[in-house]
Amino acid sequence: MRLRSRQLQPWMAGRNNCPGIYWRVLGTFLLALALAFSFNPPPARAQNLTRFGGGYVVPAGQQVENALAIFGPVTVDGRARDVVGTGGRVEVNGEVDNSVVAVGGQVSISGRVNRDVIAVAGPVAVSGRIAGDLVVVGGPLILASTAQVGGDLVVIGGSLQKEPGAVVGGNEVQLALQQAFLEQVGQWLRGYPLPGLTSPAFWWRLFTLILMAIVLLFISIIFPGTTARVAETAMLLPGKSLLWGFLIAFLALPATVLLFITILGIPLAGLLWLALACLYFLGMAGLSLATGKRILAALGSRQAEIYAATLAGILIISLVTWLPYLGIVAGLMVKAAALGAAAVTMAGRAGTSNIN
């Protein structure tokens, strides 16, 4: 049964009493982040496969625990417990015991996945069997005639091509990104409550969270020293960072208007907002790193890698900003602090103490 916009609200209301897909998707995404914390697994867990900037193949007849590939393809011809891929093709010809999570790459499922498949910002082709739910955000989906999906099918911001003979055991939901965005705006106006189970707003938030995590991970890996200095500023000078962030945000709009008054100032206005965007994302990477280090240290991990701490930090920050009512205030403060910390750091006003 496919649900369109007029049928969507009653279906979502019914699903609110059955939180299975909500928690499965959140749990699967948390698993993906947890796997990212294990870039250098110990010898006792040699069957964990991790690649950064390169791909690998699990041959037929071979079984591995967790397969994680960042900016590279991964092919499973044998058997894996979980598969996570970002920025590269994910192909499953064999069997995956749990779930598959893919961000920013093509996904091909011709084998069997015993739980869920989540794909963001990439095309998906399924000719095999998925026992759980299939969620596709920001990409087209093709279900071949031999495809079987045991749970629900959710497609947001992409096309759905379902050939005759393809089987979906649960509900089918197809939404445009515009619809998800409009509901998100409506929730802001109503006080930013938590989204309903399987609500488009939930998928929109998850989509933006994953994209932000990718961007911040990239920044922390490419510019580790600068990210660490911004994190240091955010921890040592939180008040100063917050004030400078609000001041910069407050002055950005009138400065843009003044630059637009003259024709020659229009290119400068564009450069101004480009610089602000760079500062913001750099600041978010530093703030996420500082938050993640504190969280992981509290959990007993004193020497967490920079990318692991950054991912943990953005996850915690996002969850806080999702809180009803308080999330609006927290979100504004986080954005201002990130912008201010990056600006103070780049201006050379931060101290030189290391992050504990």
Protein backbone atom coordinates (compact mmCIF):
# COMPACT_ATOMS: atom_id res chain seq x y z
CA MET A 1 0.00 0.00 0.00
CA ARG A 2 1.49 3.33 -1.07
CA LEU A 3 0.68 6.38 1.01
CA ARG A 4 0.51 9.81 -0.59
CA SER A 5 0.12 13.21 1.06
CA ARG A 6 -3.64 12.96 1.77
CA GLN A 7 -3.24 9.52 3.32
CA LEU A 8 -0.01 10.29 5.12
CA GLN A 9 -1.27 11.93 8.32
CA PRO A 10 -3.64 9.09 9.35
CA TRP A 11 -0.90 6.56 8.66
CA MET A 12 1.64 8.50 10.74
CA ALA A 13 -0.86 8.82 13.57
CA GLY A 14 -1.27 5.07 13.57
CA ARG A 15 2.45 4.48 13.46
CA ASN A 16 2.94 6.71 16.50
CA ASN A 17 1.67 3.80 18.56
CA CYS A 18 4.24 1.46 17.02
CA PRO A 19 7.74 2.96 17.32
CA GLY A 20 9.57 0.11 15.62
CA ILE A 21 10.86 1.84 12.52
CA TYR A 22 11.76 5.00 14.45
CA TRP A 23 14.03 3.23 16.90
CA ARG A 24 15.43 0.84 14.31
CA VAL A 25 16.52 3.70 12.09
CA LEU A 26 17.99 5.68 15.00
CA GLY A 27 19.69 2.54 16.31
CA THR A 28 21.13 1.75 12.90
CA PHE A 29 22.52 5.26 12.49
CA LEU A 30 24.03 5.16 16.00
CA LEU A 31 25.62 1.84 15.03
CA ALA A 32 27.14 3.52 11.98
CA LEU A 33 28.68 6.20 14.19
CA ALA A 34 29.92 3.58 16.64
CA LEU A 35 31.65 1.69 13.84
CA ALA A 36 33.37 4.91 12.83
CA PHE A 37 35.05 4.94 16.26
CA SER A 38 36.99 1.78 15.36
CA PHE A 39 39.34 2.89 12.59
CA ASN A 40 42.22 0.94 14.15
CA PRO A 41 40.71 -2.19 15.69
CA PRO A 42 42.90 -4.29 18.02
CA PRO A 43 44.37 -7.59 16.83
CA ALA A 44 41.70 -9.54 18.77
CA ARG A 45 39.11 -8.10 16.38
CA ALA A 46 41.04 -8.64 13.16
CA GLN A 47 37.85 -9.44 11.25
CA ASN A 48 36.69 -5.83 11.51
CA LEU A 49 37.44 -4.31 8.09
CA THR A 50 38.02 -0.55 7.92
CA ARG A 51 39.23 1.48 4.97
CA PHE A 52 39.70 5.24 4.61
CA GLY A 53 40.15 6.50 1.07
CA GLY A 54 40.13 3.02 -0.43
CA GLY A 55 37.80 0.13 -1.07
CA TYR A 56 37.78 -3.58 -0.40
CA VAL A 57 35.92 -6.78 -1.19
CA VAL A 58 34.68 -9.46 1.20
CA PRO A 59 35.20 -12.56 -0.97
CA ALA A 60 32.61 -15.31 -1.27
CA GLY A 61 32.99 -17.82 1.53
CA GLN A 62 34.62 -15.27 3.89
CA GLN A 63 32.87 -13.85 6.95
CA VAL A 64 33.72 -10.57 8.69
CA GLU A 65 32.28 -8.70 11.65
CA ASN A 66 31.89 -5.02 10.66
CA ALA A 67 32.76 -3.53 7.29
CA LEU A 68 33.36 0.25 7.26
CA ALA A 69 34.54 2.22 4.22
CA ILE A 70 34.98 6.01 4.11
CA PHE A 71 35.44 7.65 0.69
CA GLY A 72 35.79 4.25 -0.94
CA PRO A 73 33.68 1.35 -2.29
CA VAL A 74 32.84 -1.83 -0.39
CA THR A 75 31.60 -5.07 -1.92
CA VAL A 76 30.27 -7.98 0.11
CA ASP A 77 30.29 -11.22 -1.84
CA GLY A 78 30.63 -13.26 1.35
CA ARG A 79 29.03 -12.46 4.71
CA ALA A 80 29.27 -9.46 7.06
CA ARG A 81 27.57 -8.52 10.28
CA ASP A 82 27.13 -4.80 9.47
CA VAL A 83 28.13 -2.65 6.51
CA VAL A 84 28.68 1.13 6.60
CA GLY A 85 29.88 3.15 3.61
CA THR A 86 30.31 6.90 2.99
CA GLY A 87 31.32 8.50 -0.28
CA GLY A 88 31.60 5.25 -2.19
CA ARG A 89 29.61 2.44 -3.78
CA VAL A 90 28.13 -0.20 -1.47
CA GLU A 91 27.36 -3.53 -3.13
CA VAL A 92 25.89 -6.55 -1.35
CA ASN A 93 25.92 -9.75 -3.39
CA GLY A 94 26.25 -12.04 -0.38
CA GLU A 95 24.57 -11.68 3.02
CA VAL A 96 24.56 -9.04 5.76
CA ASP A 97 23.34 -10.25 9.15
CA ASN A 98 22.25 -6.87 10.47
CA SER A 99 21.98 -3.54 8.60
CA VAL A 100 23.50 -1.54 5.75
CA VAL A 101 24.05 2.24 6.04
CA ALA A 102 25.31 4.20 3.03
CA VAL A 103 25.84 7.95 2.64
CA GLY A 104 26.84 9.71 -0.57
CA GLY A 105 27.27 6.69 -2.78
CA GLN A 106 25.48 4.19 -5.00
CA VAL A 107 23.89 1.17 -3.31
CA SER A 108 23.24 -2.18 -4.94
CA ILE A 109 21.52 -5.02 -3.07
CA SER A 110 21.37 -8.26 -5.03
CA GLY A 111 21.99 -10.52 -2.04
CA ARG A 112 20.28 -10.61 1.35
CA VAL A 113 20.15 -8.09 4.22
CA ASN A 114 18.57 -9.49 7.36
CA ARG A 115 17.62 -6.15 8.89
CA ASP A 116 17.37 -2.58 7.53
CA VAL A 117 18.95 -0.61 4.70
CA ILE A 118 19.38 3.18 4.99
CA ALA A 119 20.76 5.15 2.04
CA VAL A 120 21.30 8.93 1.93
CA ALA A 121 22.25 11.06 -1.09
CA GLY A 122 22.75 8.26 -3.57
CA PRO A 123 20.91 5.99 -6.01
CA VAL A 124 19.70 2.59 -4.79
CA ALA A 125 18.99 -0.56 -6.79
CA VAL A 126 17.50 -3.63 -5.11
CA SER A 127 17.11 -7.00 -6.77
CA GLY A 128 17.63 -9.14 -3.66
CA ARG A 129 15.92 -9.45 -0.28
CA ILE A 130 15.77 -6.95 2.62
CA ALA A 131 14.12 -8.44 5.69
CA GLY A 132 13.56 -5.12 7.48
CA ASP A 133 12.84 -1.55 6.36
CA LEU A 134 14.29 0.26 3.35
CA VAL A 135 14.81 4.03 3.73
CA VAL A 136 16.13 6.15 0.85
CA VAL A 137 16.71 9.90 1.32
CA GLY A 138 17.80 12.18 -1.51
CA GLY A 139 18.21 9.59 -4.23
CA PRO A 140 16.28 7.46 -6.74
CA LEU A 141 15.22 3.90 -5.92
CA ILE A 142 14.76 1.02 -8.36
CA LEU A 143 13.10 -2.18 -7.16
CA ALA A 144 13.65 -5.00 -9.63
CA SER A 145 11.03 -7.68 -10.20
CA THR A 146 12.93 -10.01 -7.88
CA ALA A 147 13.23 -7.46 -5.04
CA GLN A 148 11.68 -8.24 -1.64
CA VAL A 149 11.35 -5.77 1.25
CA GLY A 150 9.92 -7.31 4.38
CA GLY A 151 9.25 -4.06 6.27
CA ASP A 152 8.31 -0.52 5.31
CA LEU A 153 9.58 1.38 2.28
CA VAL A 154 10.30 5.11 2.76
CA VAL A 155 11.54 7.31 -0.09
CA ILE A 156 12.17 11.01 0.62
CA GLY A 157 13.33 13.44 -2.04
CA GLY A 158 13.77 10.83 -4.74
CA SER A 159 11.94 8.84 -7.39
CA LEU A 160 10.61 5.32 -6.98
CA GLN A 161 10.59 2.79 -9.82
CA LYS A 162 8.94 -0.47 -8.81
CA GLU A 163 8.90 -3.21 -11.40
CA PRO A 164 6.06 -5.74 -11.53
CA GLY A 165 6.76 -8.62 -9.18
CA ALA A 166 8.63 -6.55 -6.55
CA VAL A 167 7.24 -7.19 -3.07
CA VAL A 168 6.99 -4.74 -0.14
CA GLY A 169 5.61 -6.33 3.03
CA GLY A 170 4.91 -3.09 4.91
CA ASN A 171 3.74 0.38 3.94
CA GLU A 172 5.16 2.51 1.14
CA VAL A 173 5.77 6.21 1.85
CA GLN A 174 7.07 8.62 -0.77
CA LEU A 175 7.66 12.29 0.08
CA ALA A 176 9.26 15.27 -1.61
CA LEU A 177 11.98 17.13 0.29
CA GLN A 178 9.82 20.24 -0.02
CA GLN A 179 7.06 18.54 1.97
CA ALA A 180 9.50 17.47 4.67
CA PHE A 181 10.98 20.97 4.84
CA LEU A 182 7.57 22.64 5.11
CA GLU A 183 6.61 20.38 7.99
CA GLN A 184 9.90 21.23 9.69
CA VAL A 185 9.09 24.95 9.39
CA GLY A 186 5.63 24.29 10.78
CA GLN A 187 7.10 22.52 13.78
CA TRP A 188 9.40 25.47 14.44
CA LEU A 189 6.38 27.77 14.46
CA ARG A 190 4.56 25.45 16.88
CA GLY A 191 7.44 25.45 19.37
CA TYR A 192 9.74 22.85 17.83
CA PRO A 193 8.24 19.70 19.39
CA LEU A 194 9.75 16.30 18.78
CA PRO A 195 8.62 14.95 15.37
CA GLY A 196 6.08 12.18 15.27
CA LEU A 197 7.23 8.67 14.52
CA THR A 198 8.03 8.31 10.80
CA SER A 199 7.22 12.00 10.40
CA PRO A 200 8.84 13.72 7.38
CA ALA A 201 10.40 16.17 9.85
CA PHE A 202 12.23 13.29 11.54
CA TRP A 203 13.70 12.13 8.22
CA TRP A 204 14.61 15.71 7.33
CA ARG A 205 16.47 16.12 10.63
CA LEU A 206 18.21 12.78 10.18
CA PHE A 207 19.18 13.72 6.63
CA THR A 208 20.65 17.08 7.70
CA LEU A 209 22.41 15.42 10.65
CA ILE A 210 24.13 12.91 8.38
CA LEU A 211 25.19 15.59 5.90
CA MET A 212 26.54 17.79 8.71
CA ALA A 213 28.43 14.83 10.16
CA ILE A 214 30.08 14.18 6.78
CA VAL A 215 31.10 17.82 6.35
CA LEU A 216 32.50 18.10 9.89
CA LEU A 217 34.31 14.78 9.58
CA PHE A 218 35.93 16.01 6.37
CA ILE A 219 37.00 19.30 7.99
CA SER A 220 38.43 17.59 11.08
CA ILE A 221 40.48 15.18 8.94
CA ILE A 222 41.75 17.76 6.43
CA PHE A 223 42.40 20.52 9.01
CA PRO A 224 43.07 18.68 12.31
CA GLY A 225 45.29 21.40 13.80
CA THR A 226 42.91 24.26 13.08
CA THR A 227 39.93 22.23 14.29
CA ALA A 228 41.75 21.47 17.55
CA ARG A 229 42.56 25.15 18.07
CA VAL A 230 38.93 26.13 17.52
CA ALA A 231 37.88 23.46 20.00
CA GLU A 232 40.38 24.90 22.47
CA THR A 233 38.91 28.36 22.03
CA ALA A 234 35.37 27.07 22.51
CA MET A 235 36.38 25.40 25.79
CA LEU A 236 38.62 28.14 27.19
CA LEU A 237 36.65 31.18 26.01
CA PRO A 238 32.99 30.12 25.74
CA GLY A 239 31.57 33.52 26.73
CA LYS A 240 33.80 35.42 24.35
CA SER A 241 33.01 33.00 21.53
CA LEU A 242 29.28 33.36 22.14
CA LEU A 243 29.37 37.16 22.22
CA TRP A 244 31.50 37.44 19.09
CA GLY A 245 29.23 34.97 17.32
CA PHE A 246 26.09 36.96 18.08
CA LEU A 247 27.84 40.20 17.13
CA ILE A 248 29.00 38.83 13.77
CA ALA A 249 25.56 37.40 13.02
CA PHE A 250 23.90 40.69 13.98
CA LEU A 251 26.21 42.76 11.75
CA ALA A 252 26.19 40.38 8.77
CA LEU A 253 22.83 41.48 7.35
CA PRO A 254 23.34 45.28 7.52
CA ALA A 255 26.86 44.84 6.14
CA THR A 256 25.40 42.90 3.22
CA VAL A 257 22.81 45.63 2.57
CA LEU A 258 25.52 48.28 2.57
CA LEU A 259 27.63 46.29 0.13
CA PHE A 260 24.65 45.83 -2.19
CA ILE A 261 24.10 49.59 -2.37
CA THR A 262 27.03 49.85 -4.73
CA ILE A 263 27.45 47.60 -7.75
CA LEU A 264 31.11 47.01 -6.88
CA GLY A 265 30.11 45.78 -3.44
CA ILE A 266 27.97 42.88 -4.69
CA PRO A 267 30.94 40.51 -5.23
CA LEU A 268 32.23 41.49 -1.79
CA ALA A 269 28.86 40.55 -0.28
CA GLY A 270 29.18 37.11 -1.83
CA LEU A 271 32.70 36.74 -0.44
CA LEU A 272 31.43 37.87 2.97
CA TRP A 273 28.82 35.11 3.16
CA LEU A 274 31.29 32.56 1.82
CA ALA A 275 33.69 33.52 4.62
CA LEU A 276 30.88 33.31 7.18
CA ALA A 277 29.93 29.85 5.92
CA CYS A 278 33.54 28.66 6.18
CA LEU A 279 33.82 30.08 9.70
CA TYR A 280 30.54 28.47 10.72
CA PHE A 281 31.44 24.96 9.56
CA LEU A 282 34.95 25.26 10.97
CA GLY A 283 33.45 26.42 14.26
CA MET A 284 30.94 23.56 14.30
CA ALA A 285 33.78 21.09 13.73
CA GLY A 286 35.73 22.57 16.65
CA LEU A 287 32.70 22.75 18.92
CA SER A 288 31.78 19.16 18.08
CA LEU A 289 35.35 18.07 18.77
CA ALA A 290 35.34 19.79 22.18
CA THR A 291 31.97 18.29 23.09
CA GLY A 292 32.93 14.84 21.85
CA LYS A 293 36.19 14.80 23.78
CA ARG A 294 34.33 15.61 26.99
CA ILE A 295 31.69 12.94 26.36
CA LEU A 296 34.14 10.21 25.37
CA ALA A 297 36.42 11.09 28.29
CA ALA A 298 33.47 10.69 30.64
CA LEU A 299 32.88 7.26 29.09
CA GLY A 300 36.50 6.28 29.77
CA SER A 301 38.08 6.99 26.36
CA ARG A 302 40.92 9.41 27.15
CA GLN A 303 42.68 9.30 23.76
CA ALA A 304 39.85 9.33 21.26
CA GLU A 305 40.76 10.07 17.66
CA ILE A 306 39.77 13.50 16.36
CA TYR A 307 37.21 12.12 13.89
CA ALA A 308 35.60 9.89 16.55
CA ALA A 309 35.28 12.81 18.97
CA THR A 310 33.89 15.05 16.22
CA LEU A 311 31.20 12.52 15.27
CA ALA A 312 30.25 11.96 18.90
CA GLY A 313 30.05 15.71 19.48
CA ILE A 314 27.82 16.49 16.50
CA LEU A 315 25.50 13.66 17.52
CA ILE A 316 25.12 15.01 21.08
CA ILE A 317 24.71 18.60 19.89
CA SER A 318 22.05 17.56 17.36
CA LEU A 319 20.08 15.59 19.94
CA VAL A 320 20.10 18.60 22.30
CA THR A 321 18.89 20.95 19.56
CA TRP A 322 16.06 18.52 18.81
CA LEU A 323 14.56 19.02 22.27
CA PRO A 324 11.14 20.71 22.32
CA TYR A 325 11.25 24.49 22.97
CA LEU A 326 14.72 24.36 24.57
CA GLY A 327 16.12 23.17 21.24
CA ILE A 328 15.45 26.51 19.57
CA VAL A 329 17.48 28.44 22.15
CA ALA A 330 20.19 25.77 22.26
CA GLY A 331 20.47 25.78 18.48
CA LEU A 332 20.93 29.55 18.29
CA MET A 333 23.56 29.49 21.03
CA VAL A 334 25.43 26.60 19.39
CA LYS A 335 25.53 28.38 16.02
CA ALA A 336 26.68 31.64 17.60
CA ALA A 337 29.34 29.93 19.72
CA ALA A 338 30.65 28.01 16.70
CA LEU A 339 30.86 31.15 14.56
CA GLY A 340 32.49 33.14 17.35
CA ALA A 341 35.03 30.46 18.30
CA ALA A 342 36.19 30.16 14.70
CA ALA A 343 36.40 33.94 14.29
CA VAL A 344 38.37 34.40 17.52
CA THR A 345 40.72 31.57 16.60
CA MET A 346 41.37 32.83 13.10
CA ALA A 347 41.98 36.32 14.48
CA GLY A 348 44.70 34.93 16.70
CA ARG A 349 43.01 35.84 19.98
CA ALA A 350 42.80 32.36 21.46
CA GLY A 351 45.18 31.05 24.10
CA THR A 352 47.63 28.24 23.48
CA SER A 353 46.60 25.79 26.19
CA ASN A 354 45.84 22.25 25.04
CA ILE A 355 42.49 20.59 25.40
CA ASN A 356 42.46 18.32 28.42
